[in-house]
């Protein structure tokens, strides 16, 4: 699922009432066009969309790919988007930023989980429970972790590994463990 966030600034009418910004701009048309362009462009390059945001004064597009995105790929997409969206006039008031999410950022799309199979992750569930382990498998509705459980039995410390299946709908946040 593509995560699109629109942050709509408010402007004041002469009477002092607050009016949503989108009423006086083509922001929704631009986001629709942006998504169409990204949907057509990214798969051919082996890239996937992590997030697209339209903020006051800025359009932010975060992309990634299984082997890691390069600066050249970000530059090429930026130039392509500028060329394709220039006619909308959006760049008169907004700058375009294309990049990749940082390694310390939470995962937002399924492809990021797939990219991290075999790596250690920290998962915070909606109920506050925390799981830490090696990401073993990713399915459309869940992920599988191999967790190392430390216990104390009869005064001795023991460790055992357990396979844990976590439903994506119950996950609040997943981050790569960088330690």
Foldseek 3Di string as FASTA:
>chain_A
DADEDEDWDWDADPVGDTDTNVVPAVVVVLVVQVVVVCVVPAVVVQKDWQYWYDDFQETETAMAHLVGDDPVNQVVVQVVSCVSCVVRVPNVRHDYHYYHDDQFAWGRDQRVLVSQQQFWKWWQWQVRDIFIAGFHDGDPFWTKGWGWDWDADPNDIDIDIDIDIDTPVGTPTMHTDPD
